[in-house]
Amino acid sequence: MEHRGKLSEFEAYLKDRQEKTSLSRSEIERNGTQAALDRCRELALRIQSELSSKRAEDFVDLLALADFQVSIERAASVLERRHGRRSPAE
């Protein structure tokens, strides 16, 4: 039964991620790519600022830290893609 609970949690995560991606895409289509890049830069600066004051002891929730790391690594991989190359899912 615990397996089903974890699956439901993952399904909820995927649904939430799909909804957020859809909203972001709509916002980009509405406001343009430059506005999206500006927002990304603002977020990156905020993350950098907040991380610079963090210590290892500040991260007691290892799952949250792991999720954060995966998100940052995903963002880095998006930046490393060649211009104009799209993944099959896009």
PDB file of N, CA and C in Angstrom:
ATOM      1  N   MET A   1       0.818  -1.196   0.000  1.00  0.00           N
ATOM      2  CA  MET A   1       0.000   0.000   0.000  1.00  0.00           C
ATOM      3  C   MET A   1       0.866   1.267   0.000  1.00  0.00           C
ATOM      4  N   GLU A   2       2.028   1.193   0.641  1.00  0.00           N
ATOM      5  CA  GLU A   2       2.910   2.345   0.667  1.00  0.00           C
ATOM      6  C   GLU A   2       3.374   2.697  -0.750  1.00  0.00           C
ATOM      7  N   HIS A   3       3.579   1.686  -1.575  1.00  0.00           N
ATOM      8  CA  HIS A   3       3.996   1.894  -2.961  1.00  0.00           C
ATOM      9  C   HIS A   3       2.965   2.750  -3.704  1.00  0.00           C
ATOM     10  N   ARG A   4       1.691   2.455  -3.512  1.00  0.00           N
ATOM     11  CA  ARG A   4       0.628   3.223  -4.175  1.00  0.00           C
ATOM     12  C   ARG A   4       0.637   4.679  -3.710  1.00  0.00           C
ATOM     13  N   GLY A   5       0.913   4.882  -2.424  1.00  0.00           N
ATOM     14  CA  GLY A   5       0.987   6.248  -1.896  1.00  0.00           C
ATOM     15  C   GLY A   5       2.113   7.036  -2.541  1.00  0.00           C
ATOM     16  N   LYS A   6       3.268   6.390  -2.713  1.00  0.00           N
ATOM     17  CA  LYS A   6       4.399   7.058  -3.355  1.00  0.00           C
ATOM     18  C   LYS A   6       4.099   7.331  -4.828  1.00  0.00           C
ATOM     19  N   LEU A   7       3.414   6.397  -5.478  1.00  0.00           N
ATOM     20  CA  LEU A   7       3.045   6.584  -6.873  1.00  0.00           C
ATOM     21  C   LEU A   7       2.079   7.759  -7.004  1.00  0.00           C
ATOM     22  N   SER A   8       1.109   7.837  -6.118  1.00  0.00           N
ATOM     23  CA  SER A   8       0.157   8.951  -6.151  1.00  0.00           C
ATOM     24  C   SER A   8       0.869  10.284  -5.933  1.00  0.00           C
ATOM     25  N   GLU A   9       1.838  10.295  -5.039  1.00  0.00           N
ATOM     26  CA  GLU A   9       2.601  11.515  -4.775  1.00  0.00           C
ATOM     27  C   GLU A   9       3.388  11.918  -6.024  1.00  0.00           C
ATOM     28  N   PHE A  10       3.972  10.936  -6.694  1.00  0.00           N
ATOM     29  CA  PHE A  10       4.723  11.207  -7.919  1.00  0.00           C
ATOM     30  C   PHE A  10       3.802  11.687  -9.027  1.00  0.00           C
ATOM     31  N   GLU A  11       2.640  11.069  -9.152  1.00  0.00           N
ATOM     32  CA  GLU A  11       1.665  11.493 -10.161  1.00  0.00           C
ATOM     33  C   GLU A  11       1.223  12.927  -9.910  1.00  0.00           C
ATOM     34  N   ALA A  12       1.021  13.269  -8.651  1.00  0.00           N
ATOM     35  CA  ALA A  12       0.633  14.645  -8.302  1.00  0.00           C
ATOM     36  C   ALA A  12       1.762  15.608  -8.658  1.00  0.00           C
ATOM     37  N   TYR A  13       3.003  15.191  -8.401  1.00  0.00           N
ATOM     38  CA  TYR A  13       4.159  16.021  -8.745  1.00  0.00           C
ATOM     39  C   TYR A  13       4.216  16.253 -10.256  1.00  0.00           C
ATOM     40  N   LEU A  14       4.039  15.175 -11.031  1.00  0.00           N
ATOM     41  CA  LEU A  14       4.070  15.301 -12.489  1.00  0.00           C
ATOM     42  C   LEU A  14       2.968  16.216 -13.008  1.00  0.00           C
ATOM     43  N   LYS A  15       1.783  16.065 -12.463  1.00  0.00           N
ATOM     44  CA  LYS A  15       0.658  16.902 -12.883  1.00  0.00           C
ATOM     45  C   LYS A  15       0.949  18.367 -12.567  1.00  0.00           C
ATOM     46  N   ASP A  16       1.480  18.626 -11.373  1.00  0.00           N
ATOM     47  CA  ASP A  16       1.815  19.993 -10.972  1.00  0.00           C
ATOM     48  C   ASP A  16       2.886  20.567 -11.902  1.00  0.00           C
ATOM     49  N   ARG A  17       3.886  19.760 -12.218  1.00  0.00           N
ATOM     50  CA  ARG A  17       4.967  20.210 -13.102  1.00  0.00           C
ATOM     51  C   ARG A  17       4.438  20.518 -14.501  1.00  0.00           C
ATOM     52  N   GLN A  18       3.551  19.672 -15.010  1.00  0.00           N
ATOM     53  CA  GLN A  18       2.966  19.909 -16.328  1.00  0.00           C
ATOM     54  C   GLN A  18       2.145  21.196 -16.337  1.00  0.00           C
ATOM     55  N   GLU A  19       1.382  21.427 -15.273  1.00  0.00           N
ATOM     56  CA  GLU A  19       0.574  22.643 -15.186  1.00  0.00           C
ATOM     57  C   GLU A  19       1.465  23.883 -15.137  1.00  0.00           C
ATOM     58  N   LYS A  20       2.535  23.825 -14.334  1.00  0.00           N
ATOM     59  CA  LYS A  20       3.445  24.972 -14.233  1.00  0.00           C
ATOM     60  C   LYS A  20       4.155  25.227 -15.557  1.00  0.00           C
ATOM     61  N   THR A  21       4.540  24.153 -16.243  1.00  0.00           N
ATOM     62  CA  THR A  21       5.189  24.304 -17.542  1.00  0.00           C
ATOM     63  C   THR A  21       4.230  24.941 -18.541  1.00  0.00           C
ATOM     64  N   SER A  22       2.996  24.499 -18.526  1.00  0.00           N
ATOM     65  CA  SER A  22       1.994  25.056 -19.430  1.00  0.00           C
ATOM     66  C   SER A  22       1.758  26.539 -19.144  1.00  0.00           C
ATOM     67  N   LEU A  23       1.669  26.894 -17.862  1.00  0.00           N
ATOM     68  CA  LEU A  23       1.483  28.297 -17.494  1.00  0.00           C
ATOM     69  C   LEU A  23       2.683  29.144 -17.916  1.00  0.00           C
ATOM     70  N   SER A  24       3.883  28.622 -17.701  1.00  0.00           N
ATOM     71  CA  SER A  24       5.089  29.354 -18.087  1.00  0.00           C
ATOM     72  C   SER A  24       5.144  29.552 -19.596  1.00  0.00           C
ATOM     73  N   ARG A  25       4.797  28.506 -20.328  1.00  0.00           N
ATOM     74  CA  ARG A  25       4.817  28.609 -21.784  1.00  0.00           C
ATOM     75  C   ARG A  25       3.811  29.667 -22.260  1.00  0.00           C
ATOM     76  N   SER A  26       2.638  29.669 -21.675  1.00  0.00           N
ATOM     77  CA  SER A  26       1.634  30.677 -22.034  1.00  0.00           C
ATOM     78  C   SER A  26       2.136  32.080 -21.723  1.00  0.00           C
ATOM     79  N   GLU A  27       2.782  32.227 -20.568  1.00  0.00           N
ATOM     80  CA  GLU A  27       3.319  33.533 -20.188  1.00  0.00           C
ATOM     81  C   GLU A  27       4.412  33.977 -21.161  1.00  0.00           C
ATOM     82  N   ILE A  28       5.268  33.031 -21.565  1.00  0.00           N
ATOM     83  CA  ILE A  28       6.328  33.355 -22.522  1.00  0.00           C
ATOM     84  C   ILE A  28       5.722  33.760 -23.862  1.00  0.00           C
ATOM     85  N   GLU A  29       4.711  33.033 -24.304  1.00  0.00           N
ATOM     86  CA  GLU A  29       4.054  33.380 -25.564  1.00  0.00           C
ATOM     87  C   GLU A  29       3.399  34.752 -25.473  1.00  0.00           C
ATOM     88  N   ARG A  30       2.872  35.092 -24.314  1.00  0.00           N
ATOM     89  CA  ARG A  30       2.193  36.371 -24.119  1.00  0.00           C
ATOM     90  C   ARG A  30       3.189  37.529 -23.977  1.00  0.00           C
ATOM     91  N   ASN A  31       4.260  37.318 -23.184  1.00  0.00           N
ATOM     92  CA  ASN A  31       5.171  38.413 -22.847  1.00  0.00           C
ATOM     93  C   ASN A  31       6.483  38.408 -23.619  1.00  0.00           C
ATOM     94  N   GLY A  32       6.779  37.319 -24.300  1.00  0.00           N
ATOM     95  CA  GLY A  32       8.002  37.239 -25.090  1.00  0.00           C
ATOM     96  C   GLY A  32       9.155  36.568 -24.362  1.00  0.00           C
ATOM     97  N   THR A  33      10.113  36.130 -25.172  1.00  0.00           N
ATOM     98  CA  THR A  33      11.249  35.411 -24.607  1.00  0.00           C
ATOM     99  C   THR A  33      12.163  36.315 -23.796  1.00  0.00           C
ATOM    100  N   GLN A  34      12.281  37.569 -24.180  1.00  0.00           N
ATOM    101  CA  GLN A  34      13.158  38.479 -23.428  1.00  0.00           C
ATOM    102  C   GLN A  34      12.656  38.640 -21.996  1.00  0.00           C
ATOM    103  N   ALA A  35      11.357  38.778 -21.820  1.00  0.00           N
ATOM    104  CA  ALA A  35      10.793  38.891 -20.470  1.00  0.00           C
ATOM    105  C   ALA A  35      11.046  37.611 -19.668  1.00  0.00           C
ATOM    106  N   ALA A  36      10.960  36.462 -20.345  1.00  0.00           N
ATOM    107  CA  ALA A  36      11.223  35.190 -19.663  1.00  0.00           C
ATOM    108  C   ALA A  36      12.686  35.102 -19.239  1.00  0.00           C
ATOM    109  N   LEU A  37      13.596  35.505 -20.122  1.00  0.00           N
ATOM    110  CA  LEU A  37      15.018  35.499 -19.774  1.00  0.00           C
ATOM    111  C   LEU A  37      15.315  36.444 -18.628  1.00  0.00           C
ATOM    112  N   ASP A  38      14.685  37.613 -18.645  1.00  0.00           N
ATOM    113  CA  ASP A  38      14.863  38.565 -17.546  1.00  0.00           C
ATOM    114  C   ASP A  38      14.392  37.957 -16.222  1.00  0.00           C
ATOM    115  N   ARG A  39      13.261  37.262 -16.255  1.00  0.00           N
ATOM    116  CA  ARG A  39      12.736  36.607 -15.049  1.00  0.00           C
ATOM    117  C   ARG A  39      13.694  35.519 -14.573  1.00  0.00           C
ATOM    118  N   CYS A  40      14.244  34.749 -15.500  1.00  0.00           N
ATOM    119  CA  CYS A  40      15.214  33.707 -15.149  1.00  0.00           C
ATOM    120  C   CYS A  40      16.446  34.317 -14.485  1.00  0.00           C
ATOM    121  N   ARG A  41      16.909  35.431 -15.033  1.00  0.00           N
ATOM    122  CA  ARG A  41      18.079  36.106 -14.454  1.00  0.00           C
ATOM    123  C   ARG A  41      17.772  36.596 -13.040  1.00  0.00           C
ATOM    124  N   GLU A  42      16.592  37.160 -12.849  1.00  0.00           N
ATOM    125  CA  GLU A  42      16.194  37.620 -11.514  1.00  0.00           C
ATOM    126  C   GLU A  42      16.176  36.460 -10.522  1.00  0.00           C
ATOM    127  N   LEU A  43      15.604  35.335 -10.945  1.00  0.00           N
ATOM    128  CA  LEU A  43      15.551  34.167 -10.071  1.00  0.00           C
ATOM    129  C   LEU A  43      16.952  33.638  -9.772  1.00  0.00           C
ATOM    130  N   ALA A  44      17.808  33.590 -10.782  1.00  0.00           N
ATOM    131  CA  ALA A  44      19.177  33.097 -10.584  1.00  0.00           C
ATOM    132  C   ALA A  44      19.933  33.982  -9.592  1.00  0.00           C
ATOM    133  N   LEU A  45      19.778  35.281  -9.709  1.00  0.00           N
ATOM    134  CA  LEU A  45      20.438  36.200  -8.774  1.00  0.00           C
ATOM    135  C   LEU A  45      19.898  36.021  -7.358  1.00  0.00           C
ATOM    136  N   ARG A  46      18.592  35.835  -7.240  1.00  0.00           N
ATOM    137  CA  ARG A  46      17.986  35.611  -5.921  1.00  0.00           C
ATOM    138  C   ARG A  46      18.497  34.312  -5.303  1.00  0.00           C
ATOM    139  N   ILE A  47      18.568  33.266  -6.119  1.00  0.00           N
ATOM    140  CA  ILE A  47      19.080  31.982  -5.633  1.00  0.00           C
ATOM    141  C   ILE A  47      20.531  32.132  -5.195  1.00  0.00           C
ATOM    142  N   GLN A  48      21.334  32.775  -6.018  1.00  0.00           N
ATOM    143  CA  GLN A  48      22.742  32.972  -5.672  1.00  0.00           C
ATOM    144  C   GLN A  48      22.877  33.734  -4.359  1.00  0.00           C
ATOM    145  N   SER A  49      22.119  34.788  -4.202  1.00  0.00           N
ATOM    146  CA  SER A  49      22.174  35.590  -2.988  1.00  0.00           C
ATOM    147  C   SER A  49      21.790  34.781  -1.750  1.00  0.00           C
ATOM    148  N   GLU A  50      20.695  34.029  -1.869  1.00  0.00           N
ATOM    149  CA  GLU A  50      20.235  33.259  -0.713  1.00  0.00           C
ATOM    150  C   GLU A  50      21.150  32.071  -0.408  1.00  0.00           C
ATOM    151  N   LEU A  51      21.707  31.435  -1.430  1.00  0.00           N
ATOM    152  CA  LEU A  51      22.608  30.302  -1.204  1.00  0.00           C
ATOM    153  C   LEU A  51      23.930  30.735  -0.577  1.00  0.00           C
ATOM    154  N   SER A  52      24.378  31.943  -0.890  1.00  0.00           N
ATOM    155  CA  SER A  52      25.670  32.391  -0.367  1.00  0.00           C
ATOM    156  C   SER A  52      25.666  32.493   1.156  1.00  0.00           C
ATOM    157  N   SER A  53      24.497  32.647   1.747  1.00  0.00           N
ATOM    158  CA  SER A  53      24.429  32.759   3.210  1.00  0.00           C
ATOM    159  C   SER A  53      24.057  31.435   3.887  1.00  0.00           C
ATOM    160  N   LYS A  54      23.826  30.388   3.106  1.00  0.00           N
ATOM    161  CA  LYS A  54      23.419  29.093   3.670  1.00  0.00           C
ATOM    162  C   LYS A  54      24.633  28.257   4.064  1.00  0.00           C
ATOM    163  N   ARG A  55      24.433  27.448   5.076  1.00  0.00           N
ATOM    164  CA  ARG A  55      25.434  26.471   5.499  1.00  0.00           C
ATOM    165  C   ARG A  55      24.794  25.097   5.417  1.00  0.00           C
ATOM    166  N   ALA A  56      25.592  24.074   5.454  1.00  0.00           N
ATOM    167  CA  ALA A  56      25.079  22.708   5.356  1.00  0.00           C
ATOM    168  C   ALA A  56      24.032  22.435   6.437  1.00  0.00           C
ATOM    169  N   GLU A  57      24.234  22.979   7.616  1.00  0.00           N
ATOM    170  CA  GLU A  57      23.292  22.753   8.726  1.00  0.00           C
ATOM    171  C   GLU A  57      21.913  23.363   8.453  1.00  0.00           C
ATOM    172  N   ASP A  58      21.846  24.324   7.542  1.00  0.00           N
ATOM    173  CA  ASP A  58      20.572  24.974   7.230  1.00  0.00           C
ATOM    174  C   ASP A  58      19.636  24.059   6.439  1.00  0.00           C
ATOM    175  N   PHE A  59      20.190  22.997   5.864  1.00  0.00           N
ATOM    176  CA  PHE A  59      19.393  22.080   5.053  1.00  0.00           C
ATOM    177  C   PHE A  59      19.123  20.801   5.835  1.00  0.00           C
ATOM    178  N   VAL A  60      18.040  20.805   6.580  1.00  0.00           N
ATOM    179  CA  VAL A  60      17.700  19.622   7.362  1.00  0.00           C
ATOM    180  C   VAL A  60      16.758  18.701   6.594  1.00  0.00           C
ATOM    181  N   ASP A  61      16.072  19.217   5.600  1.00  0.00           N
ATOM    182  CA  ASP A  61      15.166  18.418   4.786  1.00  0.00           C
ATOM    183  C   ASP A  61      15.927  17.934   3.549  1.00  0.00           C
ATOM    184  N   LEU A  62      16.467  16.721   3.637  1.00  0.00           N
ATOM    185  CA  LEU A  62      17.293  16.204   2.551  1.00  0.00           C
ATOM    186  C   LEU A  62      16.516  16.008   1.262  1.00  0.00           C
ATOM    187  N   LEU A  63      15.249  15.635   1.358  1.00  0.00           N
ATOM    188  CA  LEU A  63      14.440  15.472   0.146  1.00  0.00           C
ATOM    189  C   LEU A  63      14.240  16.804  -0.569  1.00  0.00           C
ATOM    190  N   ALA A  64      14.003  17.858   0.209  1.00  0.00           N
ATOM    191  CA  ALA A  64      13.846  19.182  -0.394  1.00  0.00           C
ATOM    192  C   ALA A  64      15.147  19.631  -1.045  1.00  0.00           C
ATOM    193  N   LEU A  65      16.283  19.366  -0.382  1.00  0.00           N
ATOM    194  CA  LEU A  65      17.577  19.729  -0.943  1.00  0.00           C
ATOM    195  C   LEU A  65      17.840  18.939  -2.219  1.00  0.00           C
ATOM    196  N   ALA A  66      17.514  17.655  -2.221  1.00  0.00           N
ATOM    197  CA  ALA A  66      17.695  16.832  -3.415  1.00  0.00           C
ATOM    198  C   ALA A  66      16.822  17.345  -4.555  1.00  0.00           C
ATOM    199  N   ASP A  67      15.582  17.709  -4.263  1.00  0.00           N
ATOM    200  CA  ASP A  67      14.679  18.250  -5.281  1.00  0.00           C
ATOM    201  C   ASP A  67      15.235  19.555  -5.839  1.00  0.00           C
ATOM    202  N   PHE A  68      15.764  20.387  -4.961  1.00  0.00           N
ATOM    203  CA  PHE A  68      16.358  21.656  -5.377  1.00  0.00           C
ATOM    204  C   PHE A  68      17.544  21.400  -6.303  1.00  0.00           C
ATOM    205  N   GLN A  69      18.417  20.464  -5.919  1.00  0.00           N
ATOM    206  CA  GLN A  69      19.587  20.156  -6.733  1.00  0.00           C
ATOM    207  C   GLN A  69      19.182  19.642  -8.111  1.00  0.00           C
ATOM    208  N   VAL A  70      18.193  18.765  -8.161  1.00  0.00           N
ATOM    209  CA  VAL A  70      17.724  18.238  -9.443  1.00  0.00           C
ATOM    210  C   VAL A  70      17.185  19.376 -10.313  1.00  0.00           C
ATOM    211  N   SER A  71      16.458  20.291  -9.708  1.00  0.00           N
ATOM    212  CA  SER A  71      15.909  21.424 -10.464  1.00  0.00           C
ATOM    213  C   SER A  71      17.016  22.298 -11.035  1.00  0.00           C
ATOM    214  N   ILE A  72      18.034  22.550 -10.235  1.00  0.00           N
ATOM    215  CA  ILE A  72      19.160  23.373 -10.698  1.00  0.00           C
ATOM    216  C   ILE A  72      19.921  22.645 -11.808  1.00  0.00           C
ATOM    217  N   GLU A  73      20.117  21.339 -11.636  1.00  0.00           N
ATOM    218  CA  GLU A  73      20.805  20.575 -12.680  1.00  0.00           C
ATOM    219  C   GLU A  73      19.993  20.550 -13.972  1.00  0.00           C
ATOM    220  N   ARG A  74      18.689  20.477 -13.853  1.00  0.00           N
ATOM    221  CA  ARG A  74      17.821  20.521 -15.041  1.00  0.00           C
ATOM    222  C   ARG A  74      17.961  21.871 -15.744  1.00  0.00           C
ATOM    223  N   ALA A  75      17.981  22.940 -14.956  1.00  0.00           N
ATOM    224  CA  ALA A  75      18.150  24.270 -15.533  1.00  0.00           C
ATOM    225  C   ALA A  75      19.496  24.373 -16.251  1.00  0.00           C
ATOM    226  N   ALA A  76      20.543  23.832 -15.647  1.00  0.00           N
ATOM    227  CA  ALA A  76      21.868  23.856 -16.278  1.00  0.00           C
ATOM    228  C   ALA A  76      21.862  23.077 -17.584  1.00  0.00           C
ATOM    229  N   SER A  77      21.169  21.946 -17.607  1.00  0.00           N
ATOM    230  CA  SER A  77      21.137  21.154 -18.840  1.00  0.00           C
ATOM    231  C   SER A  77      20.376  21.875 -19.942  1.00  0.00           C
ATOM    232  N   VAL A  78      19.349  22.621 -19.579  1.00  0.00           N
ATOM    233  CA  VAL A  78      18.621  23.406 -20.577  1.00  0.00           C
ATOM    234  C   VAL A  78      19.540  24.465 -21.176  1.00  0.00           C
ATOM    235  N   LEU A  79      20.342  25.107 -20.335  1.00  0.00           N
ATOM    236  CA  LEU A  79      21.265  26.127 -20.828  1.00  0.00           C
ATOM    237  C   LEU A  79      22.359  25.540 -21.710  1.00  0.00           C
ATOM    238  N   GLU A  80      22.712  24.282 -21.487  1.00  0.00           N
ATOM    239  CA  GLU A  80      23.773  23.642 -22.260  1.00  0.00           C
ATOM    240  C   GLU A  80      23.307  23.122 -23.615  1.00  0.00           C
ATOM    241  N   ARG A  81      22.001  23.038 -23.831  1.00  0.00           N
ATOM    242  CA  ARG A  81      21.497  22.556 -25.123  1.00  0.00           C
ATOM    243  C   ARG A  81      21.981  23.456 -26.244  1.00  0.00           C
ATOM    244  N   ARG A  82      22.200  22.820 -27.380  1.00  0.00           N
ATOM    245  CA  ARG A  82      22.566  23.614 -28.552  1.00  0.00           C
ATOM    246  C   ARG A  82      21.372  24.440 -28.994  1.00  0.00           C
ATOM    247  N   HIS A  83      21.648  25.612 -29.479  1.00  0.00           N
ATOM    248  CA  HIS A  83      20.600  26.510 -29.962  1.00  0.00           C
ATOM    249  C   HIS A  83      19.794  25.828 -31.055  1.00  0.00           C
ATOM    250  N   GLY A  84      18.470  25.838 -30.905  1.00  0.00           N
ATOM    251  CA  GLY A  84      17.593  25.293 -31.919  1.00  0.00           C
ATOM    252  C   GLY A  84      17.338  23.807 -31.813  1.00  0.00           C
ATOM    253  N   ARG A  85      18.056  23.129 -30.971  1.00  0.00           N
ATOM    254  CA  ARG A  85      17.856  21.679 -30.804  1.00  0.00           C
ATOM    255  C   ARG A  85      16.798  21.439 -29.764  1.00  0.00           C
ATOM    256  N   ARG A  86      15.835  20.605 -30.074  1.00  0.00           N
ATOM    257  CA  ARG A  86      14.729  20.346 -29.167  1.00  0.00           C
ATOM    258  C   ARG A  86      14.718  18.872 -28.808  1.00  0.00           C
ATOM    259  N   SER A  87      14.221  18.601 -27.604  1.00  0.00           N
ATOM    260  CA  SER A  87      14.086  17.201 -27.198  1.00  0.00           C
ATOM    261  C   SER A  87      12.841  16.625 -27.847  1.00  0.00           C
ATOM    262  N   PRO A  88      12.740  15.286 -27.971  1.00  0.00           N
ATOM    263  CA  PRO A  88      11.577  14.662 -28.600  1.00  0.00           C
ATOM    264  C   PRO A  88      10.268  14.989 -27.884  1.00  0.00           C
ATOM    265  N   ALA A  89      10.327  15.294 -26.592  1.00  0.00           N
ATOM    266  CA  ALA A  89       9.112  15.573 -25.830  1.00  0.00           C
ATOM    267  C   ALA A  89       8.546  16.957 -26.121  1.00  0.00           C
ATOM    268  N   GLU A  90       9.334  17.828 -26.737  1.00  0.00           N
ATOM    269  CA  GLU A  90       8.886  19.195 -26.966  1.00  0.00           C
ATOM    270  C   GLU A  90       8.151  19.333 -28.279  1.00  0.00           C
TER     271      GLU A  90
END
